[in-house]
């Protein structure tokens, strides 16, 4: 995703967001897979917890 979209940040969701080791380890590993001299994209935990995607989906449900 970093190669194609060049995001400002990447946010983990769901149960993966509860694994603290990922926030340190994954950025160490993705340098080998990104086609750039440097990677400034941070890997961040969700601000509203691991159920943010569920809440967002619920907002899409029409009020009837």
PDB file of N, CA and C in Angstrom:
ATOM      1  N   UNK A   1       0.822  -1.189   0.000  1.00  0.00           N
ATOM      2  CA  UNK A   1       0.000   0.000   0.000  1.00  0.00           C
ATOM      3  C   UNK A   1       0.869   1.257   0.000  1.00  0.00           C
ATOM      4  N   UNK A   2       1.985   1.203   0.680  1.00  0.00           N
ATOM      5  CA  UNK A   2       2.855   2.382   0.721  1.00  0.00           C
ATOM      6  C   UNK A   2       3.362   2.706  -0.682  1.00  0.00           C
ATOM      7  N   UNK A   3       3.721   1.678  -1.453  1.00  0.00           N
ATOM      8  CA  UNK A   3       4.234   1.897  -2.805  1.00  0.00           C
ATOM      9  C   UNK A   3       3.193   2.516  -3.726  1.00  0.00           C
ATOM     10  N   UNK A   4       1.943   2.116  -3.595  1.00  0.00           N
ATOM     11  CA  UNK A   4       0.901   2.546  -4.524  1.00  0.00           C
ATOM     12  C   UNK A   4       0.222   3.840  -4.085  1.00  0.00           C
ATOM     13  N   UNK A   5      -0.135   3.938  -2.806  1.00  0.00           N
ATOM     14  CA  UNK A   5      -0.944   5.056  -2.329  1.00  0.00           C
ATOM     15  C   UNK A   5      -0.168   6.172  -1.638  1.00  0.00           C
ATOM     16  N   UNK A   6       1.024   5.885  -1.131  1.00  0.00           N
ATOM     17  CA  UNK A   6       1.816   6.854  -0.369  1.00  0.00           C
ATOM     18  C   UNK A   6       0.975   7.505   0.733  1.00  0.00           C
ATOM     19  N   UNK A   7       0.449   6.687   1.676  1.00  0.00           N
ATOM     20  CA  UNK A   7      -0.439   7.231   2.718  1.00  0.00           C
ATOM     21  C   UNK A   7       0.310   8.079   3.744  1.00  0.00           C
ATOM     22  N   UNK A   8      -0.432   8.961   4.413  1.00  0.00           N
ATOM     23  CA  UNK A   8       0.138   9.758   5.505  1.00  0.00           C
ATOM     24  C   UNK A   8       0.415   8.895   6.722  1.00  0.00           C
ATOM     25  N   UNK A   9      -0.402   7.844   6.906  1.00  0.00           N
ATOM     26  CA  UNK A   9      -0.199   6.896   7.998  1.00  0.00           C
ATOM     27  C   UNK A   9      -0.955   5.608   7.672  1.00  0.00           C
ATOM     28  N   UNK A  10      -0.645   4.553   8.386  1.00  0.00           N
ATOM     29  CA  UNK A  10      -1.370   3.291   8.295  1.00  0.00           C
ATOM     30  C   UNK A  10      -1.882   2.983   9.686  1.00  0.00           C
ATOM     31  N   UNK A  11      -3.178   2.685   9.789  1.00  0.00           N
ATOM     32  CA  UNK A  11      -3.814   2.412  11.075  1.00  0.00           C
ATOM     33  C   UNK A  11      -4.258   0.956  11.096  1.00  0.00           C
ATOM     34  N   UNK A  12      -3.791   0.218  12.091  1.00  0.00           N
ATOM     35  CA  UNK A  12      -4.236  -1.160  12.253  1.00  0.00           C
ATOM     36  C   UNK A  12      -5.630  -1.171  12.863  1.00  0.00           C
ATOM     37  N   UNK A  13      -6.426  -2.148  12.489  1.00  0.00           N
ATOM     38  CA  UNK A  13      -7.770  -2.255  13.037  1.00  0.00           C
ATOM     39  C   UNK A  13      -8.044  -3.647  13.561  1.00  0.00           C
ATOM     40  N   UNK A  14      -9.153  -3.782  14.240  1.00  0.00           N
ATOM     41  CA  UNK A  14      -9.560  -5.078  14.774  1.00  0.00           C
ATOM     42  C   UNK A  14      -8.600  -5.596  15.821  1.00  0.00           C
ATOM     43  N   UNK A  15      -8.522  -6.898  15.922  1.00  0.00           N
ATOM     44  CA  UNK A  15      -7.680  -7.530  16.934  1.00  0.00           C
ATOM     45  C   UNK A  15      -6.199  -7.253  16.769  1.00  0.00           C
ATOM     46  N   UNK A  16      -5.745  -7.025  15.541  1.00  0.00           N
ATOM     47  CA  UNK A  16      -4.321  -6.730  15.329  1.00  0.00           C
ATOM     48  C   UNK A  16      -3.891  -5.452  16.035  1.00  0.00           C
ATOM     49  N   UNK A  17      -4.813  -4.529  16.220  1.00  0.00           N
ATOM     50  CA  UNK A  17      -4.456  -3.267  16.863  1.00  0.00           C
ATOM     51  C   UNK A  17      -4.118  -3.449  18.334  1.00  0.00           C
ATOM     52  N   UNK A  18      -4.406  -4.619  18.888  1.00  0.00           N
ATOM     53  CA  UNK A  18      -4.109  -4.893  20.298  1.00  0.00           C
ATOM     54  C   UNK A  18      -2.777  -5.599  20.511  1.00  0.00           C
ATOM     55  N   UNK A  19      -1.967  -5.698  19.462  1.00  0.00           N
ATOM     56  CA  UNK A  19      -0.667  -6.372  19.553  1.00  0.00           C
ATOM     57  C   UNK A  19       0.422  -5.303  19.511  1.00  0.00           C
ATOM     58  N   UNK A  20       0.907  -4.852  20.671  1.00  0.00           N
ATOM     59  CA  UNK A  20       1.870  -3.739  20.723  1.00  0.00           C
ATOM     60  C   UNK A  20       3.156  -3.996  19.937  1.00  0.00           C
ATOM     61  N   UNK A  21       3.593  -5.227  19.876  1.00  0.00           N
ATOM     62  CA  UNK A  21       4.838  -5.555  19.183  1.00  0.00           C
ATOM     63  C   UNK A  21       4.785  -5.166  17.703  1.00  0.00           C
ATOM     64  N   UNK A  22       3.612  -5.210  17.095  1.00  0.00           N
ATOM     65  CA  UNK A  22       3.487  -4.907  15.670  1.00  0.00           C
ATOM     66  C   UNK A  22       3.885  -3.477  15.344  1.00  0.00           C
ATOM     67  N   UNK A  23       3.621  -2.553  16.249  1.00  0.00           N
ATOM     68  CA  UNK A  23       3.911  -1.142  15.986  1.00  0.00           C
ATOM     69  C   UNK A  23       5.411  -0.859  15.945  1.00  0.00           C
ATOM     70  N   UNK A  24       6.199  -1.723  16.524  1.00  0.00           N
ATOM     71  CA  UNK A  24       7.656  -1.580  16.460  1.00  0.00           C
ATOM     72  C   UNK A  24       8.242  -2.448  15.355  1.00  0.00           C
ATOM     73  N   UNK A  25       7.774  -3.683  15.276  1.00  0.00           N
ATOM     74  CA  UNK A  25       8.392  -4.673  14.392  1.00  0.00           C
ATOM     75  C   UNK A  25       8.063  -4.464  12.915  1.00  0.00           C
ATOM     76  N   UNK A  26       6.816  -4.176  12.588  1.00  0.00           N
ATOM     77  CA  UNK A  26       6.417  -4.051  11.182  1.00  0.00           C
ATOM     78  C   UNK A  26       7.172  -2.927  10.468  1.00  0.00           C
ATOM     79  N   UNK A  27       7.277  -1.720  11.026  1.00  0.00           N
ATOM     80  CA  UNK A  27       8.058  -0.684  10.329  1.00  0.00           C
ATOM     81  C   UNK A  27       9.527  -1.063  10.126  1.00  0.00           C
ATOM     82  N   UNK A  28      10.072  -1.884  10.992  1.00  0.00           N
ATOM     83  CA  UNK A  28      11.449  -2.347  10.798  1.00  0.00           C
ATOM     84  C   UNK A  28      11.545  -3.252   9.572  1.00  0.00           C
ATOM     85  N   UNK A  29      10.491  -3.983   9.285  1.00  0.00           N
ATOM     86  CA  UNK A  29      10.505  -4.952   8.192  1.00  0.00           C
ATOM     87  C   UNK A  29      10.096  -4.372   6.844  1.00  0.00           C
ATOM     88  N   UNK A  30       9.252  -3.343   6.843  1.00  0.00           N
ATOM     89  CA  UNK A  30       8.736  -2.918   5.546  1.00  0.00           C
ATOM     90  C   UNK A  30       9.725  -2.141   4.705  1.00  0.00           C
ATOM     91  N   UNK A  31      10.846  -1.714   5.259  1.00  0.00           N
ATOM     92  CA  UNK A  31      11.877  -1.047   4.453  1.00  0.00           C
ATOM     93  C   UNK A  31      12.337  -1.929   3.291  1.00  0.00           C
ATOM     94  N   UNK A  32      12.365  -3.232   3.504  1.00  0.00           N
ATOM     95  CA  UNK A  32      12.821  -4.158   2.455  1.00  0.00           C
ATOM     96  C   UNK A  32      11.805  -4.288   1.324  1.00  0.00           C
ATOM     97  N   UNK A  33      10.563  -3.883   1.545  1.00  0.00           N
ATOM     98  CA  UNK A  33       9.497  -4.084   0.560  1.00  0.00           C
ATOM     99  C   UNK A  33       9.011  -2.787  -0.087  1.00  0.00           C
ATOM    100  N   UNK A  34       9.446  -1.653   0.410  1.00  0.00           N
ATOM    101  CA  UNK A  34       9.002  -0.372  -0.138  1.00  0.00           C
ATOM    102  C   UNK A  34      10.034   0.125  -1.135  1.00  0.00           C
ATOM    103  N   UNK A  35       9.563   0.561  -2.295  1.00  0.00           N
ATOM    104  CA  UNK A  35      10.444   1.024  -3.362  1.00  0.00           C
ATOM    105  C   UNK A  35      10.771   2.504  -3.200  1.00  0.00           C
ATOM    106  N   UNK A  36      11.499   2.823  -2.156  1.00  0.00           N
ATOM    107  CA  UNK A  36      11.906   4.188  -1.887  1.00  0.00           C
ATOM    108  C   UNK A  36      13.171   4.144  -1.032  1.00  0.00           C
ATOM    109  N   UNK A  37      13.890   5.244  -1.011  1.00  0.00           N
ATOM    110  CA  UNK A  37      15.105   5.304  -0.192  1.00  0.00           C
ATOM    111  C   UNK A  37      14.785   5.383   1.288  1.00  0.00           C
ATOM    112  N   UNK A  38      13.610   5.914   1.621  1.00  0.00           N
ATOM    113  CA  UNK A  38      13.195   6.004   3.019  1.00  0.00           C
ATOM    114  C   UNK A  38      11.676   5.908   3.125  1.00  0.00           C
ATOM    115  N   UNK A  39      11.217   5.514   4.294  1.00  0.00           N
ATOM    116  CA  UNK A  39       9.781   5.397   4.552  1.00  0.00           C
ATOM    117  C   UNK A  39       9.451   6.272   5.754  1.00  0.00           C
ATOM    118  N   UNK A  40       8.596   7.260   5.547  1.00  0.00           N
ATOM    119  CA  UNK A  40       8.186   8.159   6.621  1.00  0.00           C
ATOM    120  C   UNK A  40       6.780   7.844   7.134  1.00  0.00           C
ATOM    121  N   UNK A  41       6.158   6.817   6.583  1.00  0.00           N
ATOM    122  CA  UNK A  41       4.782   6.469   6.935  1.00  0.00           C
ATOM    123  C   UNK A  41       4.740   5.799   8.308  1.00  0.00           C
ATOM    124  N   UNK A  42       4.058   6.389   9.279  1.00  0.00           N
ATOM    125  CA  UNK A  42       3.962   5.757  10.601  1.00  0.00           C
ATOM    126  C   UNK A  42       2.859   4.700  10.640  1.00  0.00           C
ATOM    127  N   UNK A  43       3.050   3.696  11.468  1.00  0.00           N
ATOM    128  CA  UNK A  43       2.043   2.677  11.749  1.00  0.00           C
ATOM    129  C   UNK A  43       1.425   3.042  13.089  1.00  0.00           C
ATOM    130  N   UNK A  44       0.115   3.296  13.106  1.00  0.00           N
ATOM    131  CA  UNK A  44      -0.532   3.842  14.298  1.00  0.00           C
ATOM    132  C   UNK A  44      -1.671   2.951  14.802  1.00  0.00           C
ATOM    133  N   UNK A  45      -1.935   3.005  16.105  1.00  0.00           N
ATOM    134  CA  UNK A  45      -3.108   2.319  16.645  1.00  0.00           C
ATOM    135  C   UNK A  45      -4.357   3.162  16.394  1.00  0.00           C
ATOM    136  N   UNK A  46      -5.525   2.544  16.369  1.00  0.00           N
ATOM    137  CA  UNK A  46      -6.759   3.318  16.156  1.00  0.00           C
ATOM    138  C   UNK A  46      -7.075   4.209  17.351  1.00  0.00           C
ATOM    139  N   UNK A  47      -7.478   5.421  17.095  1.00  0.00           N
ATOM    140  CA  UNK A  47      -7.783   6.394  18.148  1.00  0.00           C
ATOM    141  C   UNK A  47      -8.996   5.955  18.967  1.00  0.00           C
ATOM    142  N   UNK A  48      -9.970   5.335  18.310  1.00  0.00           N
ATOM    143  CA  UNK A  48     -11.222   4.978  18.982  1.00  0.00           C
ATOM    144  C   UNK A  48     -11.324   3.492  19.311  1.00  0.00           C
ATOM    145  N   UNK A  49     -10.208   2.812  19.405  1.00  0.00           N
ATOM    146  CA  UNK A  49     -10.221   1.408  19.796  1.00  0.00           C
ATOM    147  C   UNK A  49     -10.381   0.450  18.628  1.00  0.00           C
ATOM    148  N   UNK A  50     -10.361  -0.832  18.947  1.00  0.00           N
ATOM    149  CA  UNK A  50     -10.355  -1.856  17.909  1.00  0.00           C
ATOM    150  C   UNK A  50     -11.719  -2.096  17.262  1.00  0.00           C
ATOM    151  N   UNK A  51     -12.761  -1.437  17.721  1.00  0.00           N
ATOM    152  CA  UNK A  51     -14.093  -1.607  17.135  1.00  0.00           C
ATOM    153  C   UNK A  51     -14.495  -0.434  16.240  1.00  0.00           C
ATOM    154  N   UNK A  52     -13.537   0.382  15.855  1.00  0.00           N
ATOM    155  CA  UNK A  52     -13.840   1.539  15.018  1.00  0.00           C
ATOM    156  C   UNK A  52     -14.457   1.167  13.685  1.00  0.00           C
ATOM    157  N   UNK A  53     -13.980   0.095  13.069  1.00  0.00           N
ATOM    158  CA  UNK A  53     -14.547  -0.348  11.797  1.00  0.00           C
ATOM    159  C   UNK A  53     -15.989  -0.776  11.937  1.00  0.00           C
ATOM    160  N   UNK A  54     -16.306  -1.416  13.037  1.00  0.00           N
ATOM    161  CA  UNK A  54     -17.682  -1.838  13.296  1.00  0.00           C
ATOM    162  C   UNK A  54     -18.588  -0.627  13.475  1.00  0.00           C
ATOM    163  N   UNK A  55     -18.110   0.360  14.220  1.00  0.00           N
ATOM    164  CA  UNK A  55     -18.902   1.570  14.412  1.00  0.00           C
ATOM    165  C   UNK A  55     -19.101   2.314  13.090  1.00  0.00           C
ATOM    166  N   UNK A  56     -18.055   2.360  12.288  1.00  0.00           N
ATOM    167  CA  UNK A  56     -18.181   3.018  10.981  1.00  0.00           C
ATOM    168  C   UNK A  56     -19.190   2.327  10.093  1.00  0.00           C
ATOM    169  N   UNK A  57     -19.190   0.999  10.111  1.00  0.00           N
ATOM    170  CA  UNK A  57     -20.166   0.248   9.317  1.00  0.00           C
ATOM    171  C   UNK A  57     -21.582   0.507   9.818  1.00  0.00           C
ATOM    172  N   UNK A  58     -21.745   0.616  11.120  1.00  0.00           N
ATOM    173  CA  UNK A  58     -23.070   0.883  11.676  1.00  0.00           C
ATOM    174  C   UNK A  58     -23.594   2.250  11.238  1.00  0.00           C
ATOM    175  N   UNK A  59     -22.722   3.212  11.077  1.00  0.00           N
ATOM    176  CA  UNK A  59     -23.140   4.545  10.623  1.00  0.00           C
ATOM    177  C   UNK A  59     -23.657   4.505   9.182  1.00  0.00           C
ATOM    178  N   UNK A  60     -23.236   3.504   8.413  1.00  0.00           N
ATOM    179  CA  UNK A  60     -23.691   3.389   7.034  1.00  0.00           C
ATOM    180  C   UNK A  60     -25.102   2.843   6.917  1.00  0.00           C
ATOM    181  N   UNK A  61     -25.622   2.259   7.993  1.00  0.00           N
ATOM    182  CA  UNK A  61     -26.970   1.679   7.991  1.00  0.00           C
ATOM    183  C   UNK A  61     -27.998   2.804   7.909  1.00  0.00           C
ATOM    184  N   UNK A  62     -28.961   2.723   6.979  1.00  0.00           N
ATOM    185  CA  UNK A  62     -29.938   3.807   6.837  1.00  0.00           C
ATOM    186  C   UNK A  62     -30.889   3.885   8.024  1.00  0.00           C
ATOM    187  N   UNK A  63     -31.271   5.116   8.400  1.00  0.00           N
ATOM    188  CA  UNK A  63     -32.258   5.335   9.469  1.00  0.00           C
ATOM    189  C   UNK A  63     -33.647   5.186   8.884  1.00  0.00           C
ATOM    190  N   UNK A  64     -34.285   4.061   9.181  1.00  0.00           N
ATOM    191  CA  UNK A  64     -35.646   3.830   8.670  1.00  0.00           C
ATOM    192  C   UNK A  64     -36.553   3.406   9.780  1.00  0.00           C
TER     193      UNK A  64
END
